[in-house]
Amino acid sequence: MADRINMPAGFGGLVRYNEEYKSKFMLKPTHIIAFVIATIILVTALKIFWPLG
């Protein structure tokens, strides 16, 4: 039988990114929910008042 070569485990497939990343856009979850609701209302209003077919 061939001898086994033991290699170090390393990171186990995990990648660690910089945890102190600062984004230019700081959005709260409530802003995202409000944007989604406003988009739904806008699309619904367009379908009601300006139907295309």
Protein backbone atom coordinates (compact mmCIF):
# COMPACT_ATOMS: atom_id res chain seq x y z
CA MET A 1 0.00 0.00 0.00
CA ALA A 2 1.07 3.54 -0.65
CA ASP A 3 1.92 5.77 2.28
CA ARG A 4 -0.69 8.38 3.11
CA ILE A 5 0.28 12.03 3.11
CA ASN A 6 -1.47 14.09 5.78
CA MET A 7 -2.06 17.70 4.80
CA PRO A 8 -3.09 20.47 7.19
CA ALA A 9 -6.82 21.19 7.33
CA GLY A 10 -6.48 24.89 6.53
CA PHE A 11 -9.70 26.89 6.58
CA GLY A 12 -11.96 24.01 5.61
CA GLY A 13 -13.34 25.85 2.58
CA LEU A 14 -14.36 28.93 4.56
CA VAL A 15 -13.38 32.36 3.32
CA ARG A 16 -13.05 35.20 5.78
CA TYR A 17 -13.74 38.67 4.45
CA ASN A 18 -12.98 41.98 6.09
CA GLU A 19 -15.68 42.43 8.74
CA GLU A 20 -15.21 46.19 8.99
CA TYR A 21 -16.32 47.00 5.46
CA LYS A 22 -18.18 50.30 5.22
CA SER A 23 -20.66 50.65 2.38
CA LYS A 24 -21.50 53.94 0.70
CA PHE A 25 -25.19 53.07 0.99
CA MET A 26 -26.32 52.50 4.55
CA LEU A 27 -29.86 51.14 4.28
CA LYS A 28 -32.00 49.86 7.11
CA PRO A 29 -34.32 46.88 6.57
CA THR A 30 -37.33 49.18 7.03
CA HIS A 31 -36.15 51.26 4.05
CA ILE A 32 -35.98 48.16 1.88
CA ILE A 33 -39.46 47.03 2.92
CA ALA A 34 -40.88 50.51 2.27
CA PHE A 35 -39.25 50.57 -1.19
CA VAL A 36 -40.70 47.17 -2.06
CA ILE A 37 -44.19 48.19 -0.90
CA ALA A 38 -43.99 51.48 -2.85
CA THR A 39 -42.92 49.55 -5.97
CA ILE A 40 -45.87 47.14 -5.59
CA ILE A 41 -48.30 50.04 -5.19
CA LEU A 42 -46.84 51.85 -8.21
CA VAL A 43 -47.06 48.77 -10.45
CA THR A 44 -50.62 48.03 -9.30
CA ALA A 45 -51.70 51.64 -9.90
CA LEU A 46 -50.18 51.61 -13.39
CA LYS A 47 -52.02 48.39 -14.24
CA ILE A 48 -55.33 49.82 -13.02
CA PHE A 49 -55.15 53.35 -14.46
CA TRP A 50 -53.08 52.72 -17.60
CA PRO A 51 -53.71 49.23 -18.94
CA LEU A 52 -51.70 48.26 -22.00
CA GLY A 53 -53.75 45.38 -23.26
